[in-house]
Amino acid sequence: MFFVYIIEATESKRYYIGQTENLEERIKRHNKGRNLSTRAYIPWRLKWWKQYESRSEAIKIERKLKGIKKRAGLEKFVSENGFSGCGAVG
């Protein structure tokens, strides 16, 4: 199983979108500064995620999410497409 996830920087409120096979370990890597593009905004918290059968499916959705440039559009997409989440939309 593969996950598409959205994390949020707790201070700057920035979002980061990714996909992984091991969600828990991936979030730990983000918070340990092992990802160059998220290192500057530590700490991160998991905001939304959705599980997929294949990596190709996950990559397809990840690309779609990354193509949504406005925060409101991204939040609308996750609420309408069955993402699980820790935070309220809006």
Protein backbone atom coordinates (compact mmCIF):
# COMPACT_ATOMS: atom_id res chain seq x y z
CA MET A 1 0.00 0.00 0.00
CA PHE A 2 1.09 3.55 -0.73
CA PHE A 3 0.06 6.85 0.79
CA VAL A 4 -0.38 10.35 -0.58
CA TYR A 5 0.02 12.80 2.27
CA ILE A 6 -0.07 16.48 3.06
CA ILE A 7 1.92 17.83 5.97
CA GLU A 8 1.71 21.32 7.39
CA ALA A 9 4.52 23.33 8.95
CA THR A 10 3.31 24.26 12.43
CA GLU A 11 4.74 27.78 12.38
CA SER A 12 4.56 28.96 8.76
CA LYS A 13 1.40 26.95 7.91
CA ARG A 14 3.00 25.86 4.62
CA TYR A 15 1.83 22.62 3.03
CA TYR A 16 4.03 19.90 1.56
CA ILE A 17 2.60 17.10 -0.58
CA GLY A 18 4.27 13.74 -1.02
CA GLN A 19 3.77 10.01 -1.45
CA THR A 20 5.38 7.08 0.33
CA GLU A 21 5.07 3.43 1.23
CA ASN A 22 5.75 4.03 4.95
CA LEU A 23 3.88 7.08 6.15
CA GLU A 24 5.08 7.08 9.76
CA GLU A 25 8.77 6.85 8.81
CA ARG A 26 8.38 9.50 6.11
CA ILE A 27 6.93 12.03 8.56
CA LYS A 28 9.81 11.31 10.96
CA ARG A 29 12.31 11.95 8.14
CA HIS A 30 10.68 15.32 7.40
CA ASN A 31 10.91 16.32 11.07
CA LYS A 32 14.55 15.20 11.37
CA GLY A 33 15.52 17.49 8.49
CA ARG A 34 16.34 14.71 6.03
CA ASN A 35 14.40 16.33 3.20
CA LEU A 36 16.03 19.42 1.71
CA SER A 37 12.76 21.03 0.62
CA THR A 38 11.11 20.75 4.06
CA ARG A 39 14.10 21.21 6.37
CA ALA A 40 13.68 24.97 6.78
CA TYR A 41 10.11 24.69 8.08
CA ILE A 42 10.43 22.03 10.81
CA PRO A 43 8.33 20.97 12.68
CA TRP A 44 5.71 19.38 10.43
CA ARG A 45 2.46 17.68 11.31
CA LEU A 46 0.42 15.29 9.24
CA LYS A 47 -2.67 17.06 7.97
CA TRP A 48 -4.27 14.67 5.43
CA TRP A 49 -3.54 11.31 3.85
CA LYS A 50 -5.10 8.71 1.60
CA GLN A 51 -4.05 5.13 0.91
CA TYR A 52 -3.69 3.65 -2.60
CA GLU A 53 -3.08 0.15 -3.95
CA SER A 54 -0.14 1.05 -6.19
CA ARG A 55 2.68 3.57 -6.37
CA SER A 56 1.55 4.64 -9.84
CA GLU A 57 -1.88 5.53 -8.47
CA ALA A 58 -0.30 7.48 -5.59
CA ILE A 59 2.05 9.36 -7.93
CA LYS A 60 -0.87 10.32 -10.18
CA ILE A 61 -2.79 11.86 -7.25
CA GLU A 62 0.36 13.49 -5.84
CA ARG A 63 0.96 15.25 -9.16
CA LYS A 64 -2.68 16.35 -9.32
CA LEU A 65 -2.45 17.83 -5.81
CA LYS A 66 0.84 19.58 -6.60
CA GLY A 67 -0.86 21.16 -9.61
CA ILE A 68 -3.45 22.85 -7.39
CA LYS A 69 -1.82 26.15 -6.55
CA LYS A 70 -4.35 27.71 -4.17
CA ARG A 71 -4.71 26.54 -0.59
CA ALA A 72 -8.52 26.64 -0.76
CA GLY A 73 -8.50 24.48 -3.90
CA LEU A 74 -6.24 21.92 -2.25
CA GLU A 75 -8.41 21.79 0.86
CA LYS A 76 -11.54 21.40 -1.26
CA PHE A 77 -9.97 18.53 -3.23
CA VAL A 78 -9.03 16.54 -0.11
CA SER A 79 -12.44 17.04 1.47
CA GLU A 80 -14.23 15.89 -1.69
CA ASN A 81 -11.97 12.88 -2.38
CA GLY A 82 -12.04 10.88 0.82
CA PHE A 83 -8.76 11.88 2.42
CA SER A 84 -8.42 11.14 6.13
CA GLY A 85 -7.22 14.00 8.21
CA CYS A 86 -6.16 15.46 11.48
CA GLY A 87 -7.21 19.01 10.74
CA ALA A 88 -10.41 20.73 9.78
CA VAL A 89 -10.71 22.05 6.26
CA GLY A 90 -10.86 25.80 5.97
